[in-house]
Amino acid sequence: MITLGILLLLLGLLFHVALLWSVGVVLVVLGALLAVLGAVGRGVAGRRHFF
């Protein structure tokens, strides 16, 4: 999820598409949050790991 977010951020920056930039930011933040929660052992929505 983080990788996809970074890719969308770069594409949004390269092609000047604000929607790609916004979705990329949301995916990076959400992916980082889920990665941190998974690393500390806290399950989210019944899952301990999000890959």
C-alpha atoms as a PDB file:
ATOM      1  CA  MET A   1       0.000   0.000   0.000  1.00  0.00           C
ATOM      2  CA  ILE A   2       2.873   2.321   0.793  1.00  0.00           C
ATOM      3  CA  THR A   3       4.576   1.498  -2.508  1.00  0.00           C
ATOM      4  CA  LEU A   4       1.395   2.172  -4.479  1.00  0.00           C
ATOM      5  CA  GLY A   5       0.957   5.465  -2.632  1.00  0.00           C
ATOM      6  CA  ILE A   6       4.491   6.574  -3.462  1.00  0.00           C
ATOM      7  CA  LEU A   7       3.972   5.596  -7.096  1.00  0.00           C
ATOM      8  CA  LEU A   8       0.760   7.627  -7.270  1.00  0.00           C
ATOM      9  CA  LEU A   9       2.481  10.573  -5.595  1.00  0.00           C
ATOM     10  CA  LEU A  10       5.214  10.528  -8.223  1.00  0.00           C
ATOM     11  CA  LEU A  11       2.759  10.157 -11.101  1.00  0.00           C
ATOM     12  CA  GLY A  12       0.619  12.982  -9.734  1.00  0.00           C
ATOM     13  CA  LEU A  13       3.660  15.199  -9.461  1.00  0.00           C
ATOM     14  CA  LEU A  14       4.933  14.253 -12.917  1.00  0.00           C
ATOM     15  CA  PHE A  15       1.599  14.667 -14.747  1.00  0.00           C
ATOM     16  CA  HIS A  16       0.221  17.504 -12.554  1.00  0.00           C
ATOM     17  CA  VAL A  17      -2.909  15.539 -11.582  1.00  0.00           C
ATOM     18  CA  ALA A  18      -4.124  16.602  -8.151  1.00  0.00           C
ATOM     19  CA  LEU A  19      -6.361  13.553  -7.726  1.00  0.00           C
ATOM     20  CA  LEU A  20      -3.407  11.157  -8.042  1.00  0.00           C
ATOM     21  CA  TRP A  21      -1.440  13.247  -5.563  1.00  0.00           C
ATOM     22  CA  SER A  22      -4.298  13.217  -3.027  1.00  0.00           C
ATOM     23  CA  VAL A  23      -4.924   9.480  -3.315  1.00  0.00           C
ATOM     24  CA  GLY A  24      -1.186   8.855  -3.028  1.00  0.00           C
ATOM     25  CA  VAL A  25      -0.952  10.833   0.211  1.00  0.00           C
ATOM     26  CA  VAL A  26      -3.902   8.957   1.696  1.00  0.00           C
ATOM     27  CA  LEU A  27      -2.426   5.562   0.746  1.00  0.00           C
ATOM     28  CA  VAL A  28       1.006   6.389   2.153  1.00  0.00           C
ATOM     29  CA  VAL A  29      -0.423   7.602   5.461  1.00  0.00           C
ATOM     30  CA  LEU A  30      -2.849   4.685   5.773  1.00  0.00           C
ATOM     31  CA  GLY A  31      -0.187   2.150   4.821  1.00  0.00           C
ATOM     32  CA  ALA A  32       2.283   3.576   7.322  1.00  0.00           C
ATOM     33  CA  LEU A  33      -0.361   3.542  10.066  1.00  0.00           C
ATOM     34  CA  LEU A  34      -1.266  -0.092   9.372  1.00  0.00           C
ATOM     35  CA  ALA A  35       2.411  -1.062   9.225  1.00  0.00           C
ATOM     36  CA  VAL A  36       3.082   0.534  12.610  1.00  0.00           C
ATOM     37  CA  LEU A  37       0.018  -1.068  14.181  1.00  0.00           C
ATOM     38  CA  GLY A  38       1.013  -4.455  12.781  1.00  0.00           C
ATOM     39  CA  ALA A  39       4.588  -4.057  14.013  1.00  0.00           C
ATOM     40  CA  VAL A  40       3.475  -3.481  17.599  1.00  0.00           C
ATOM     41  CA  GLY A  41       1.203  -6.518  17.453  1.00  0.00           C
ATOM     42  CA  ARG A  42      -2.103  -4.692  17.447  1.00  0.00           C
ATOM     43  CA  GLY A  43      -4.671  -6.350  15.224  1.00  0.00           C
ATOM     44  CA  VAL A  44      -6.761  -4.145  12.947  1.00  0.00           C
ATOM     45  CA  ALA A  45     -10.070  -5.500  11.615  1.00  0.00           C
ATOM     46  CA  GLY A  46      -9.208  -8.981  12.826  1.00  0.00           C
ATOM     47  CA  ARG A  47      -5.831  -9.132  11.077  1.00  0.00           C
ATOM     48  CA  ARG A  48      -2.412  -8.758  12.619  1.00  0.00           C
ATOM     49  CA  HIS A  49      -0.529  -8.259   9.339  1.00  0.00           C
ATOM     50  CA  PHE A  50      -1.375  -6.323   6.212  1.00  0.00           C
ATOM     51  CA  PHE A  51       0.743  -7.262   3.230  1.00  0.00           C
END
